[in-house]
Amino acid sequence: MSSLDTQSDAVAQVYARSVFELAKSEGGQSAVEEIAGELEAIIELTLQNPQFAEFLRSAVISDKDRTNSVRAIFEGRVSDIVLRFLLVLSEKGRLGRLGGIATAYDELLQESYGRVEVDVFTASPIDQKQLDAIKERLRQALGKEPVMHAYTQPEMVGGLKLQVGDQLIDASVSTRLRKLQEQLASQGAAQVRSRARSLFDDA
């Protein structure tokens, strides 16, 4: 495994809420968002550097040595709240849970401030005007402020996929083609001919 597990569970949620409430009480929404950014940057570092991720979760390194190293690495580079939080996690042997804690923290942030994370996947890069149009439709449909992230997946052929929170909305051409093939195999050509015509009219 080359990065930290980002799965949020009950333990991760407890730790995330504790740092969330601390940030909120000490600095309000701006502090909450600053810490979210710092946690995201640390997780990104573990994705880019598998050795660093292994260092955080290794059972071979003593908690004392890891705590001293964490202080040396992050002191002056992150906020005091995040540094103190990392040190607490290190002392309790919980740094390997940081990915899940960051996920749970982000969920708290979105819920508290009426936002929702949306990943937009398209076969080719999407321009800002198209992204804004999708954002506006989601804002009206969800009653929340979408935070948009655009990604390119050439294997999609066309169309788009939206990951809204934990829900995947797949309108890609490759998915529709796969479903058509499944229907052909199970139902026969006669029953899906009209659907095939509609599929390529829409593509």
Protein backbone atom coordinates (compact mmCIF):
# COMPACT_ATOMS: atom_id res chain seq x y z
CA MET A 1 0.00 0.00 0.00
CA SER A 2 1.58 3.31 -1.10
CA SER A 3 -0.68 5.86 0.62
CA LEU A 4 -2.79 6.31 3.71
CA ASP A 5 -6.26 4.76 3.83
CA THR A 6 -8.79 7.58 3.35
CA GLN A 7 -11.80 5.57 4.51
CA SER A 8 -13.72 7.43 7.20
CA ASP A 9 -14.88 5.33 10.15
CA ALA A 10 -16.12 5.94 13.71
CA VAL A 11 -12.62 6.49 15.10
CA ALA A 12 -11.70 8.88 12.29
CA GLN A 13 -14.93 10.82 12.81
CA VAL A 14 -14.23 11.28 16.54
CA TYR A 15 -10.77 12.69 15.87
CA ALA A 16 -12.03 14.82 12.97
CA ARG A 17 -14.79 16.36 15.06
CA SER A 18 -12.39 17.19 17.89
CA VAL A 19 -10.03 19.16 15.64
CA PHE A 20 -12.98 20.65 13.72
CA GLU A 21 -14.57 22.01 16.90
CA LEU A 22 -11.21 23.31 18.12
CA ALA A 23 -10.60 25.14 14.84
CA LYS A 24 -14.11 26.55 14.83
CA SER A 25 -13.83 27.85 18.40
CA GLU A 26 -10.40 29.41 17.89
CA GLY A 27 -10.81 30.92 14.43
CA GLY A 28 -14.26 30.31 12.97
CA GLN A 29 -14.88 29.28 9.38
CA SER A 30 -11.59 30.69 8.06
CA ALA A 31 -9.60 28.53 10.49
CA VAL A 32 -11.72 25.48 9.67
CA GLU A 33 -11.02 25.93 5.96
CA GLU A 34 -7.32 26.64 6.52
CA ILE A 35 -6.93 23.38 8.43
CA ALA A 36 -8.83 21.47 5.75
CA GLY A 37 -6.29 22.77 3.22
CA GLU A 38 -3.35 21.78 5.42
CA LEU A 39 -4.70 18.27 5.99
CA GLU A 40 -5.31 17.89 2.25
CA ALA A 41 -1.74 18.99 1.53
CA ILE A 42 -0.36 16.40 3.97
CA ILE A 43 -2.44 13.64 2.39
CA GLU A 44 -1.25 14.77 -1.04
CA LEU A 45 2.32 14.48 0.24
CA THR A 46 1.69 10.85 1.23
CA LEU A 47 0.36 10.15 -2.26
CA GLN A 48 3.47 11.62 -3.86
CA ASN A 49 5.88 10.05 -1.37
CA PRO A 50 5.03 6.44 -0.40
CA GLN A 51 8.02 6.37 1.98
CA PHE A 52 6.50 9.21 3.97
CA ALA A 53 3.16 7.39 4.15
CA GLU A 54 4.96 4.29 5.38
CA PHE A 55 6.78 6.36 8.01
CA LEU A 56 3.46 7.65 9.37
CA ARG A 57 1.91 4.22 9.79
CA SER A 58 4.97 2.05 10.52
CA ALA A 59 4.77 -0.01 13.69
CA VAL A 60 8.56 -0.40 13.75
CA ILE A 61 9.25 3.26 14.59
CA SER A 62 8.65 4.15 18.23
CA ASP A 63 5.95 6.71 18.99
CA LYS A 64 8.59 8.93 20.64
CA ASP A 65 10.90 8.91 17.59
CA ARG A 66 7.97 9.50 15.24
CA THR A 67 6.69 12.38 17.38
CA ASN A 68 10.12 14.05 17.34
CA SER A 69 10.33 13.62 13.57
CA VAL A 70 6.81 14.99 13.03
CA ARG A 71 7.69 18.07 15.06
CA ALA A 72 10.89 18.60 13.08
CA ILE A 73 9.09 18.17 9.73
CA PHE A 74 5.99 20.29 10.35
CA GLU A 75 6.85 22.93 12.96
CA GLY A 76 6.62 26.33 11.31
CA ARG A 77 5.09 24.80 8.16
CA VAL A 78 1.54 24.20 9.38
CA SER A 79 -0.77 25.99 11.79
CA ASP A 80 -0.36 25.44 15.52
CA ILE A 81 -3.66 23.54 15.65
CA VAL A 82 -2.58 21.06 12.97
CA LEU A 83 0.85 20.61 14.52
CA ARG A 84 -0.65 19.89 17.94
CA PHE A 85 -3.13 17.52 16.34
CA LEU A 86 -0.41 15.62 14.49
CA LEU A 87 1.60 15.30 17.69
CA VAL A 88 -1.41 13.91 19.57
CA LEU A 89 -2.03 11.38 16.80
CA SER A 90 1.63 10.39 16.86
CA GLU A 91 1.71 9.94 20.63
CA LYS A 92 -1.38 7.71 20.41
CA GLY A 93 -0.05 5.74 17.44
CA ARG A 94 -2.86 7.00 15.20
CA LEU A 95 -0.99 8.81 12.42
CA GLY A 96 -1.77 5.92 10.09
CA ARG A 97 -5.43 6.94 10.39
CA LEU A 98 -4.76 10.47 9.14
CA GLY A 99 -6.25 9.81 5.68
CA GLY A 100 -9.60 8.73 7.11
CA ILE A 101 -9.55 11.60 9.60
CA ALA A 102 -8.96 14.10 6.78
CA THR A 103 -11.88 12.60 4.86
CA ALA A 104 -14.15 12.82 7.91
CA TYR A 105 -13.01 16.40 8.55
CA ASP A 106 -13.85 17.42 5.00
CA GLU A 107 -17.30 15.83 5.34
CA LEU A 108 -17.90 17.88 8.49
CA LEU A 109 -16.82 21.05 6.71
CA GLN A 110 -19.15 20.45 3.76
CA GLU A 111 -22.08 19.58 6.01
CA SER A 112 -21.58 22.54 8.33
CA TYR A 113 -21.28 25.16 5.59
CA GLY A 114 -23.81 23.82 3.10
CA ARG A 115 -21.33 22.58 0.52
CA VAL A 116 -20.91 19.37 -1.41
CA GLU A 117 -17.81 18.06 -3.17
CA VAL A 118 -18.39 17.26 -6.84
CA ASP A 119 -15.86 15.47 -9.06
CA VAL A 120 -16.54 15.95 -12.77
CA PHE A 121 -15.00 13.38 -15.12
CA THR A 122 -14.97 13.99 -18.90
CA ALA A 123 -13.19 12.39 -21.85
CA SER A 124 -11.46 15.67 -22.74
CA PRO A 125 -10.77 18.81 -20.67
CA ILE A 126 -13.90 20.78 -19.82
CA ASP A 127 -13.83 24.57 -20.05
CA GLN A 128 -14.82 26.91 -17.22
CA LYS A 129 -18.10 27.92 -18.87
CA GLN A 130 -19.27 24.30 -19.07
CA LEU A 131 -18.12 23.66 -15.51
CA ASP A 132 -20.02 26.72 -14.27
CA ALA A 133 -23.17 25.53 -16.06
CA ILE A 134 -22.96 22.12 -14.38
CA LYS A 135 -22.31 23.83 -11.06
CA GLU A 136 -25.39 26.03 -11.39
CA ARG A 137 -27.65 23.08 -12.24
CA LEU A 138 -26.33 21.16 -9.24
CA ARG A 139 -26.77 24.18 -6.98
CA GLN A 140 -30.44 24.41 -7.96
CA ALA A 141 -31.00 20.65 -7.67
CA LEU A 142 -29.19 20.10 -4.37
CA GLY A 143 -29.77 23.36 -2.56
CA LYS A 144 -26.06 23.36 -1.63
CA GLU A 145 -22.95 25.06 -2.91
CA PRO A 146 -21.04 22.60 -5.14
CA VAL A 147 -17.25 22.60 -4.84
CA MET A 148 -16.16 21.49 -8.29
CA HIS A 149 -13.13 19.40 -9.27
CA ALA A 150 -12.61 18.54 -12.94
CA TYR A 151 -10.74 15.43 -14.13
CA THR A 152 -10.04 13.97 -17.57
CA GLN A 153 -10.55 10.27 -18.36
CA PRO A 154 -9.95 9.63 -22.11
CA GLU A 155 -11.25 6.05 -21.80
CA MET A 156 -14.76 7.44 -21.26
CA VAL A 157 -15.12 8.18 -25.04
CA GLY A 158 -17.65 10.96 -24.35
CA GLY A 159 -20.31 12.24 -21.97
CA LEU A 160 -19.53 12.82 -18.31
CA LYS A 161 -19.54 11.29 -14.84
CA LEU A 162 -20.34 13.15 -11.64
CA GLN A 163 -19.24 12.01 -8.21
CA VAL A 164 -21.51 13.95 -5.86
CA GLY A 165 -20.46 13.13 -2.33
CA ASP A 166 -20.65 9.32 -2.22
CA GLN A 167 -23.04 9.04 -5.19
CA LEU A 168 -21.79 8.35 -8.73
CA ILE A 169 -23.87 9.63 -11.65
CA ASP A 170 -22.51 8.01 -14.80
CA ALA A 171 -23.67 9.45 -18.13
CA SER A 172 -20.57 8.52 -20.11
CA VAL A 173 -20.86 7.09 -23.61
CA SER A 174 -18.62 4.15 -22.66
CA THR A 175 -21.03 3.18 -19.89
CA ARG A 176 -24.04 3.43 -22.19
CA LEU A 177 -22.24 1.28 -24.78
CA ARG A 178 -21.43 -1.32 -22.13
CA LYS A 179 -25.06 -1.41 -20.99
CA LEU A 180 -26.18 -1.78 -24.60
CA GLN A 181 -23.82 -4.73 -25.07
CA GLU A 182 -25.21 -6.34 -21.93
CA GLN A 183 -28.75 -5.87 -23.21
CA LEU A 184 -27.82 -7.36 -26.58
CA ALA A 185 -26.38 -10.40 -24.86
CA SER A 186 -29.33 -10.93 -22.56
CA GLN A 187 -32.34 -9.75 -24.60
CA GLY A 188 -31.37 -10.02 -28.27
CA ALA A 189 -30.97 -7.38 -30.96
CA ALA A 190 -34.65 -6.90 -31.78
CA GLN A 191 -35.54 -5.63 -28.31
CA VAL A 192 -32.77 -3.04 -28.10
CA ARG A 193 -32.58 -1.73 -31.66
CA SER A 194 -34.58 1.40 -30.85
CA ARG A 195 -32.48 2.04 -27.77
CA ALA A 196 -29.31 1.79 -29.83
CA ARG A 197 -30.64 4.37 -32.29
CA SER A 198 -31.42 6.71 -29.40
CA LEU A 199 -28.00 6.17 -27.87
CA PHE A 200 -26.11 7.29 -30.97
CA ASP A 201 -28.50 10.14 -31.62
CA ASP A 202 -27.64 11.49 -28.16
CA ALA A 203 -23.87 10.86 -28.33
